[in-house]
Amino acid sequence: MARAFLFVLDSFGIGGGPDAAAFGDLGADTLGHIAEFCAAGVADRPGLRQGPLKLPNMSALGLLHAARAATGRFPQGMDVPQRVFGYHGAASEVSNGKDTPSGHWEIAGTPVSFDWGYFPAEGDAFEPDLVEAITAAGKVPGILGNCHASGTDIIARHGLDHMRSGKPICYTSSDSVFQVAAHEHAFGLDRLLAFCETVRKILDERPGGRIGRVIARPFVGETPETFERTGNRRDYSVLPPEPTLLDRLTEAGRTVHAVGKIGDIFAHQGIGRLTKANGNMALFDATLRIMDEATDGDLVFTNFVDFDMLYGHRRDVAGYAAALEAFDRRLPEVDRKLKPGDIVILTADHGCDPTWRGTDHTRERVPIMSFGPGLRSRLLETRTTFADIGESVARHLGIAPGPHGRSFL
């Protein structure tokens, strides 16, 4: 046996989703548009970054060739390496959504074939009877927001009223999600988490479509200018529809190390060890520590959330580019910790093109970059489901294949 390391760069799509038009995302391309803006000089920011997008390590692992497989062209302004290492290619999503649970569950071998439940985009997002139920059970005097919104915008808009009234800020997006923002001190973090658990229970008991996640969004600060979300976010997800790669590994006696929000995404099913950290670099540090501790047969599964949460949704091209470059610079640290037989897979769960309209995710293909000691270079055929990633991990770790997907190893 050996070890597997599965790293999800949250929202790092590479364009070319074959069904993007059905999601209103035809032409969305997270990597391609970031590279285009950087090449044009419009993603320069003093003290942060400047010039063309520079990702030499991921490029050497086949990122640009994966992007060409997805879209038919190399990203603009990026240096194409003379030599590429490891397996590399693109994968399309088959799940009925472009959200975090759908993408991660499909990566873990379990595509979502059912339809998620969503809240209305116009007018009140939550029906009066739902509001009445959650305010009564949650023991709050009412809610603020009750609409589709950007998380940072709605906190700036309602934060002061929330602190005065004790009413939590409740909102949604184009994803299947019920989000609750509350001040860590004025409202209380424990109270916010308890309220979200109450909302989760009420939503699960209601007829109709499934709501994928209830998300607690704590923040601090005293004015709209100083309000800031903290790292104490918590996602309350529904259970995957069937056993995932994580369950299968756990049943086989292996340890699944979940770093970041992986535990929340899988409703803590199939998780052997949970490690939390706040921010991409802290997540990277935590992952390196777990790599030292993981034993043969283990899976280390990390989500790097900043790409999506801080830059994609906020449509911050320069910030997204700088975060990619910072991540890329640290990849050699991962390589130095690998042992014979180990495998690393870098991928994403959906897109979130920071140049696209709105603030929501975008339906795109994702990259596959797989490397490890002795792994030869090969351009993969474009995979028709993210589940091929999970099945490749299963094969590498020597457990039986699942019902979805096909290993590329």
Protein backbone atom coordinates (compact mmCIF):
# COMPACT_ATOMS: atom_id res chain seq x y z
CA MET A 1 0.00 0.00 0.00
CA ALA A 2 0.93 3.66 -0.40
CA ARG A 3 -0.70 6.98 0.41
CA ALA A 4 -2.92 9.34 -1.58
CA PHE A 5 -3.20 13.11 -1.32
CA LEU A 6 -6.25 14.74 -2.88
CA PHE A 7 -6.18 18.53 -2.98
CA VAL A 8 -9.19 20.54 -4.18
CA LEU A 9 -8.48 24.11 -5.29
CA ASP A 10 -12.01 25.28 -4.56
CA SER A 11 -13.58 26.82 -7.72
CA PHE A 12 -10.47 26.56 -9.96
CA GLY A 13 -12.34 25.72 -13.17
CA ILE A 14 -10.65 25.67 -16.57
CA GLY A 15 -13.63 26.49 -18.81
CA GLY A 16 -15.27 24.40 -21.49
CA GLY A 17 -18.13 22.88 -19.52
CA PRO A 18 -20.08 20.92 -22.15
CA ASP A 19 -23.41 21.83 -20.53
CA ALA A 20 -22.44 25.35 -19.42
CA ALA A 21 -25.24 26.92 -21.48
CA ALA A 22 -27.86 25.09 -19.41
CA PHE A 23 -26.49 26.84 -16.32
CA GLY A 24 -26.17 30.27 -17.97
CA ASP A 25 -22.39 29.95 -17.99
CA LEU A 26 -21.47 29.49 -21.65
CA GLY A 27 -18.01 31.04 -22.05
CA ALA A 28 -17.11 31.07 -18.34
CA ASP A 29 -13.45 30.16 -17.82
CA THR A 30 -11.90 30.80 -14.41
CA LEU A 31 -8.28 30.08 -15.35
CA GLY A 32 -8.54 31.42 -18.89
CA HIS A 33 -10.04 34.75 -17.92
CA ILE A 34 -7.68 35.27 -14.98
CA ALA A 35 -4.75 34.64 -17.36
CA GLU A 36 -6.25 37.00 -19.95
CA PHE A 37 -6.67 39.81 -17.42
CA CYS A 38 -3.15 39.27 -16.07
CA ALA A 39 -1.66 39.32 -19.57
CA ALA A 40 -3.46 42.59 -20.30
CA GLY A 41 -2.08 44.19 -17.12
CA VAL A 42 -5.50 44.74 -15.57
CA ALA A 43 -4.84 42.30 -12.71
CA ASP A 44 -1.85 44.29 -11.43
CA ARG A 45 -2.18 45.48 -7.85
CA PRO A 46 0.61 47.37 -6.06
CA GLY A 47 2.09 45.31 -3.26
CA LEU A 48 0.24 42.16 -4.35
CA ARG A 49 1.17 41.05 -7.88
CA GLN A 50 1.80 42.21 -11.43
CA GLY A 51 2.29 40.94 -14.96
CA PRO A 52 1.25 37.69 -16.66
CA LEU A 53 -0.06 34.82 -14.52
CA LYS A 54 2.92 32.74 -13.37
CA LEU A 55 2.18 29.15 -12.29
CA PRO A 56 5.39 27.29 -13.24
CA ASN A 57 4.87 24.28 -10.99
CA MET A 58 1.26 23.56 -11.94
CA SER A 59 2.15 24.27 -15.57
CA ALA A 60 4.87 21.62 -15.35
CA LEU A 61 2.21 19.25 -13.99
CA GLY A 62 0.07 19.77 -17.08
CA LEU A 63 -2.31 22.58 -16.04
CA LEU A 64 -2.03 24.43 -19.36
CA HIS A 65 -2.44 21.24 -21.37
CA ALA A 66 -5.52 20.38 -19.29
CA ALA A 67 -6.91 23.84 -20.07
CA ARG A 68 -6.28 23.29 -23.77
CA ALA A 69 -8.09 19.94 -23.56
CA ALA A 70 -11.05 21.72 -21.95
CA THR A 71 -11.25 24.77 -24.23
CA GLY A 72 -9.09 24.07 -27.28
CA ARG A 73 -6.49 26.74 -26.42
CA PHE A 74 -3.72 27.53 -23.97
CA PRO A 75 -4.43 30.30 -21.43
CA GLN A 76 -3.22 33.66 -22.69
CA GLY A 77 0.18 34.98 -21.64
CA MET A 78 1.31 31.91 -19.70
CA ASP A 79 4.59 30.12 -20.42
CA VAL A 80 3.98 26.64 -21.86
CA PRO A 81 6.65 24.26 -20.45
CA GLN A 82 8.85 22.17 -22.67
CA ARG A 83 8.24 19.11 -20.51
CA VAL A 84 5.22 18.01 -18.49
CA PHE A 85 5.26 15.58 -15.56
CA GLY A 86 2.57 13.20 -14.32
CA TYR A 87 -0.96 12.45 -15.51
CA HIS A 88 -2.90 15.52 -16.58
CA GLY A 89 -6.21 16.31 -18.23
CA ALA A 90 -9.68 17.77 -17.77
CA ALA A 91 -12.89 16.37 -16.26
CA SER A 92 -16.55 17.28 -16.80
CA GLU A 93 -19.21 17.21 -14.09
CA VAL A 94 -22.38 15.12 -14.43
CA SER A 95 -24.05 16.10 -11.15
CA ASN A 96 -27.17 18.26 -11.24
CA GLY A 97 -25.50 21.32 -9.78
CA LYS A 98 -22.42 23.51 -9.74
CA ASP A 99 -22.14 23.65 -5.96
CA THR A 100 -19.57 22.50 -3.44
CA PRO A 101 -21.28 19.29 -2.19
CA SER A 102 -22.10 18.09 -5.72
CA GLY A 103 -18.55 18.65 -6.90
CA HIS A 104 -16.86 17.05 -3.89
CA TRP A 105 -19.23 14.10 -3.69
CA GLU A 106 -18.69 13.41 -7.39
CA ILE A 107 -14.90 13.66 -6.92
CA ALA A 108 -15.36 11.06 -4.18
CA GLY A 109 -17.13 8.71 -6.57
CA THR A 110 -20.76 9.65 -5.89
CA PRO A 111 -22.39 11.94 -8.47
CA VAL A 112 -25.62 13.75 -7.56
CA SER A 113 -28.44 12.52 -9.78
CA PHE A 114 -31.33 14.14 -7.87
CA ASP A 115 -32.42 17.78 -8.12
CA TRP A 116 -31.48 20.08 -5.27
CA GLY A 117 -34.04 22.41 -3.76
CA TYR A 118 -33.51 26.13 -4.31
CA PHE A 119 -35.00 29.33 -2.92
CA PRO A 120 -36.62 31.99 -5.15
CA ALA A 121 -34.26 34.53 -6.72
CA GLU A 122 -36.81 37.35 -6.65
CA GLY A 123 -38.70 38.73 -3.66
CA ASP A 124 -38.49 36.96 -0.31
CA ALA A 125 -36.22 33.92 -0.45
CA PHE A 126 -37.90 32.15 2.48
CA GLU A 127 -41.63 31.55 2.81
CA PRO A 128 -43.47 33.07 5.80
CA ASP A 129 -44.18 29.67 7.36
CA LEU A 130 -40.48 28.74 7.19
CA VAL A 131 -39.48 32.07 8.75
CA GLU A 132 -42.07 31.58 11.49
CA ALA A 133 -40.81 28.05 12.18
CA ILE A 134 -37.12 28.94 12.42
CA THR A 135 -37.67 32.08 14.50
CA ALA A 136 -39.88 30.22 16.96
CA ALA A 137 -37.64 27.17 17.25
CA GLY A 138 -34.48 29.26 17.18
CA LYS A 139 -35.81 31.72 19.78
CA VAL A 140 -34.98 34.87 17.81
CA PRO A 141 -37.23 37.95 17.31
CA GLY A 142 -37.13 37.65 13.52
CA ILE A 143 -34.66 37.59 10.64
CA LEU A 144 -32.98 40.17 8.42
CA GLY A 145 -32.13 39.81 4.73
CA ASN A 146 -34.40 37.07 3.43
CA CYS A 147 -33.05 37.36 -0.11
CA HIS A 148 -30.36 36.33 -2.61
CA ALA A 149 -27.20 38.23 -1.68
CA SER A 150 -23.44 38.36 -1.52
CA GLY A 151 -22.30 37.50 1.99
CA THR A 152 -20.06 40.51 2.45
CA ASP A 153 -22.64 42.90 1.01
CA ILE A 154 -25.48 41.71 3.18
CA ILE A 155 -23.36 41.89 6.34
CA ALA A 156 -22.44 45.50 5.50
CA ARG A 157 -26.11 46.27 4.81
CA HIS A 158 -27.69 44.66 7.88
CA GLY A 159 -24.84 44.17 10.36
CA LEU A 160 -25.64 47.15 12.61
CA ASP A 161 -29.36 46.39 12.68
CA HIS A 162 -28.52 42.75 13.49
CA MET A 163 -26.34 43.79 16.44
CA ARG A 164 -29.08 46.09 17.79
CA SER A 165 -32.04 43.75 17.25
CA GLY A 166 -30.61 40.28 17.78
CA LYS A 167 -32.13 39.15 14.47
CA PRO A 168 -29.82 36.84 12.48
CA ILE A 169 -29.09 37.73 8.85
CA CYS A 170 -30.50 34.98 6.61
CA TYR A 171 -29.87 34.81 2.88
CA THR A 172 -29.24 32.44 -0.01
CA SER A 173 -27.62 32.26 -3.46
CA SER A 174 -28.03 30.34 -6.70
CA ASP A 175 -26.73 27.28 -4.80
CA SER A 176 -28.95 25.06 -2.70
CA VAL A 177 -28.06 26.85 0.52
CA PHE A 178 -29.50 28.64 3.55
CA GLN A 179 -26.87 30.99 5.00
CA VAL A 180 -26.95 32.65 8.40
CA ALA A 181 -24.62 35.52 9.31
CA ALA A 182 -24.30 36.66 12.91
CA HIS A 183 -21.82 38.61 15.01
CA GLU A 184 -19.55 36.35 17.04
CA HIS A 185 -19.82 38.53 20.16
CA ALA A 186 -23.08 40.47 19.93
CA PHE A 187 -25.05 37.35 18.95
CA GLY A 188 -22.61 34.65 20.05
CA LEU A 189 -20.82 31.95 18.06
CA ASP A 190 -22.33 29.04 19.99
CA ARG A 191 -25.78 30.55 19.60
CA LEU A 192 -25.24 30.95 15.84
CA LEU A 193 -24.20 27.31 15.48
CA ALA A 194 -27.16 26.13 17.52
CA PHE A 195 -29.51 28.25 15.41
CA CYS A 196 -28.07 26.74 12.21
CA GLU A 197 -28.56 23.23 13.60
CA THR A 198 -32.20 24.17 14.24
CA VAL A 199 -32.61 25.45 10.67
CA ARG A 200 -31.03 22.26 9.32
CA LYS A 201 -33.49 20.11 11.26
CA ILE A 202 -36.50 22.16 10.12
CA LEU A 203 -35.41 22.09 6.46
CA ASP A 204 -34.88 18.32 6.62
CA GLU A 205 -38.42 17.84 7.90
CA ARG A 206 -40.06 19.97 5.19
CA PRO A 207 -41.43 18.33 2.03
CA GLY A 208 -39.94 19.18 -1.35
CA GLY A 209 -36.45 19.41 -2.72
CA ARG A 210 -33.37 18.90 -0.60
CA ILE A 211 -31.47 21.97 0.57
CA GLY A 212 -27.80 21.07 0.34
CA ARG A 213 -26.28 23.16 3.10
CA VAL A 214 -27.03 25.44 6.01
CA ILE A 215 -23.95 27.63 6.50
CA ALA A 216 -23.04 29.56 9.64
CA ARG A 217 -21.23 32.78 8.65
CA PRO A 218 -19.86 34.44 11.82
CA PHE A 219 -18.34 37.89 11.61
CA VAL A 220 -16.70 40.49 13.84
CA GLY A 221 -16.24 44.27 13.75
CA GLU A 222 -18.19 47.29 14.88
CA THR A 223 -19.09 49.15 11.68
CA PRO A 224 -19.87 48.24 8.05
CA GLU A 225 -16.32 49.30 7.17
CA THR A 226 -14.76 46.97 9.75
CA PHE A 227 -17.10 43.97 9.55
CA GLU A 228 -15.11 40.86 8.65
CA ARG A 229 -16.10 37.21 8.41
CA THR A 230 -14.06 34.89 10.61
CA GLY A 231 -12.64 31.42 10.13
CA ASN A 232 -15.32 29.85 12.37
CA ARG A 233 -17.63 29.11 9.47
CA ARG A 234 -19.50 25.82 9.75
CA ASP A 235 -21.39 23.98 7.00
CA TYR A 236 -24.29 21.68 7.87
CA SER A 237 -24.70 19.44 4.86
CA VAL A 238 -27.17 16.72 4.01
CA LEU A 239 -25.74 13.23 3.76
CA PRO A 240 -24.42 12.03 0.40
CA PRO A 241 -26.99 9.84 -1.40
CA GLU A 242 -24.84 6.70 -1.14
CA PRO A 243 -21.47 5.65 0.32
CA THR A 244 -18.56 7.72 -0.99
CA LEU A 245 -14.89 6.90 -1.44
CA LEU A 246 -14.40 8.11 2.14
CA ASP A 247 -16.88 5.56 3.52
CA ARG A 248 -15.33 2.78 1.45
CA LEU A 249 -11.83 3.60 2.68
CA THR A 250 -13.01 3.77 6.30
CA GLU A 251 -14.78 0.42 5.95
CA ALA A 252 -11.53 -1.04 4.58
CA GLY A 253 -9.70 0.08 7.72
CA ARG A 254 -7.93 3.09 6.20
CA THR A 255 -7.75 6.55 7.74
CA VAL A 256 -9.24 9.52 5.89
CA HIS A 257 -7.60 12.76 7.03
CA ALA A 258 -10.01 15.64 6.27
CA VAL A 259 -8.34 19.06 6.19
CA GLY A 260 -10.38 22.27 6.07
CA LYS A 261 -14.09 22.07 5.30
CA ILE A 262 -13.99 18.50 3.91
CA GLY A 263 -15.59 17.14 7.08
CA ASP A 264 -18.54 19.54 6.82
CA ILE A 265 -19.03 18.84 3.10
CA PHE A 266 -19.42 15.11 3.75
CA ALA A 267 -21.53 15.61 6.91
CA HIS A 268 -18.60 14.03 8.78
CA GLN A 269 -19.31 10.63 7.19
CA GLY A 270 -16.25 8.49 6.45
CA ILE A 271 -13.89 10.90 8.24
CA GLY A 272 -11.18 9.41 10.41
CA ARG A 273 -9.35 12.55 11.48
CA LEU A 274 -10.44 16.17 11.15
CA THR A 275 -8.06 19.14 10.97
CA LYS A 276 -9.33 22.72 10.75
CA ALA A 277 -7.38 25.76 9.58
CA ASN A 278 -8.27 29.26 8.38
CA GLY A 279 -6.90 30.41 5.02
CA ASN A 280 -5.03 28.77 2.18
CA MET A 281 -1.55 29.08 3.68
CA ALA A 282 -2.68 27.75 7.07
CA LEU A 283 -4.42 24.90 5.25
CA PHE A 284 -1.20 24.22 3.34
CA ASP A 285 0.79 24.15 6.59
CA ALA A 286 -1.73 21.79 8.18
CA THR A 287 -1.63 19.51 5.14
CA LEU A 288 2.16 19.28 5.29
CA ARG A 289 1.94 18.28 8.96
CA ILE A 290 -0.62 15.58 8.19
CA MET A 291 1.57 14.29 5.33
CA ASP A 292 4.25 13.55 7.93
CA GLU A 293 1.77 11.58 10.01
CA ALA A 294 -0.23 9.71 7.34
CA THR A 295 0.57 6.01 7.04
CA ASP A 296 0.28 3.50 4.19
CA GLY A 297 -3.24 3.23 2.85
CA ASP A 298 -4.32 6.65 4.13
CA LEU A 299 -6.02 9.44 2.18
CA VAL A 300 -5.31 13.10 2.97
CA PHE A 301 -8.15 15.20 1.51
CA THR A 302 -7.80 19.01 1.63
CA ASN A 303 -10.03 21.81 0.40
CA PHE A 304 -8.32 25.15 -0.27
CA VAL A 305 -11.30 27.43 0.19
CA ASP A 306 -9.86 30.93 -0.33
CA PHE A 307 -9.91 30.73 -4.13
CA ASP A 308 -13.69 30.49 -4.02
CA MET A 309 -14.69 32.31 -0.84
CA LEU A 310 -12.36 35.30 -0.94
CA TYR A 311 -11.75 35.82 -4.63
CA GLY A 312 -14.16 33.98 -6.93
CA HIS A 313 -17.41 35.06 -5.27
CA ARG A 314 -16.05 38.56 -4.69
CA ARG A 315 -15.01 38.78 -8.36
CA ASP A 316 -11.46 39.73 -7.36
CA VAL A 317 -9.26 38.80 -10.33
CA ALA A 318 -6.00 40.13 -8.88
CA GLY A 319 -6.62 38.44 -5.54
CA TYR A 320 -7.44 35.12 -7.22
CA ALA A 321 -4.30 35.36 -9.38
CA ALA A 322 -2.09 36.15 -6.38
CA ALA A 323 -3.60 33.24 -4.40
CA LEU A 324 -2.88 30.85 -7.28
CA GLU A 325 0.70 32.07 -7.52
CA ALA A 326 1.19 31.70 -3.75
CA PHE A 327 -0.17 28.15 -3.84
CA ASP A 328 1.99 27.28 -6.83
CA ARG A 329 5.17 28.49 -5.11
CA ARG A 330 4.59 26.04 -2.26
CA LEU A 331 3.98 22.91 -4.33
CA PRO A 332 7.64 21.78 -4.14
CA GLU A 333 7.12 21.42 -0.37
CA VAL A 334 4.55 18.71 -1.10
CA ASP A 335 6.85 16.95 -3.53
CA ARG A 336 9.65 16.80 -0.95
CA LYS A 337 7.42 14.92 1.49
CA LEU A 338 6.39 12.16 -0.91
CA LYS A 339 7.49 8.57 -0.37
CA PRO A 340 7.79 5.80 -2.99
CA GLY A 341 4.30 4.77 -4.09
CA ASP A 342 2.59 8.02 -3.03
CA ILE A 343 0.28 9.89 -5.38
CA VAL A 344 -0.97 13.48 -5.37
CA ILE A 345 -4.02 14.67 -7.31
CA LEU A 346 -4.80 18.37 -7.73
CA THR A 347 -8.28 19.23 -8.98
CA ALA A 348 -11.30 21.50 -8.40
CA ASP A 349 -14.99 21.10 -7.60
CA HIS A 350 -16.53 23.70 -9.99
CA GLY A 351 -15.68 27.12 -11.39
CA CYS A 352 -16.16 30.62 -9.98
CA ASP A 353 -14.95 32.87 -12.78
CA PRO A 354 -14.03 36.21 -11.14
CA THR A 355 -14.73 38.02 -14.43
CA TRP A 356 -18.25 36.58 -14.80
CA ARG A 357 -21.52 38.37 -14.10
CA GLY A 358 -23.01 38.05 -10.65
CA THR A 359 -21.26 36.40 -7.71
CA ASP A 360 -22.14 32.72 -8.16
CA HIS A 361 -20.28 29.58 -9.19
CA THR A 362 -19.77 28.79 -12.88
CA ARG A 363 -20.26 25.46 -14.63
CA GLU A 364 -16.84 24.45 -15.97
CA ARG A 365 -14.52 21.54 -16.46
CA VAL A 366 -11.85 21.09 -13.82
CA PRO A 367 -8.16 20.17 -14.11
CA ILE A 368 -6.61 16.88 -13.11
CA MET A 369 -2.92 17.03 -12.23
CA SER A 370 -1.57 13.82 -10.75
CA PHE A 371 2.03 13.21 -9.78
CA GLY A 372 4.21 11.10 -7.52
CA PRO A 373 7.48 9.17 -7.45
CA GLY A 374 7.80 7.11 -10.63
CA LEU A 375 4.52 8.32 -12.17
CA ARG A 376 5.12 8.86 -15.88
CA SER A 377 3.76 11.70 -17.98
CA ARG A 378 0.50 11.15 -19.84
CA LEU A 379 -2.24 13.37 -21.24
CA LEU A 380 -5.53 11.86 -20.12
CA GLU A 381 -8.54 11.75 -22.36
CA THR A 382 -11.11 14.26 -21.10
CA ARG A 383 -12.96 12.48 -18.33
CA THR A 384 -16.75 12.44 -18.51
CA THR A 385 -17.22 12.56 -14.73
CA PHE A 386 -15.31 13.79 -11.68
CA ALA A 387 -15.93 10.31 -10.24
CA ASP A 388 -12.93 9.07 -12.23
CA ILE A 389 -10.78 10.95 -9.72
CA GLY A 390 -12.16 9.06 -6.75
CA GLU A 391 -11.94 5.74 -8.56
CA SER A 392 -8.29 6.45 -9.34
CA VAL A 393 -7.63 7.00 -5.64
CA ALA A 394 -9.51 3.78 -4.85
CA ARG A 395 -7.41 1.82 -7.30
CA HIS A 396 -4.18 3.37 -6.03
CA LEU A 397 -5.04 2.49 -2.43
CA GLY A 398 -6.12 -1.02 -3.37
CA ILE A 399 -9.83 -1.04 -2.54
CA ALA A 400 -12.65 -2.33 -4.73
CA PRO A 401 -14.03 0.00 -7.41
CA GLY A 402 -17.31 1.81 -6.89
CA PRO A 403 -20.34 1.91 -9.20
CA HIS A 404 -19.50 5.28 -10.81
CA GLY A 405 -16.45 6.44 -12.70
CA ARG A 406 -13.38 4.71 -14.06
CA SER A 407 -9.79 4.93 -12.82
CA PHE A 408 -7.33 6.72 -15.07
CA LEU A 409 -4.39 4.89 -13.51
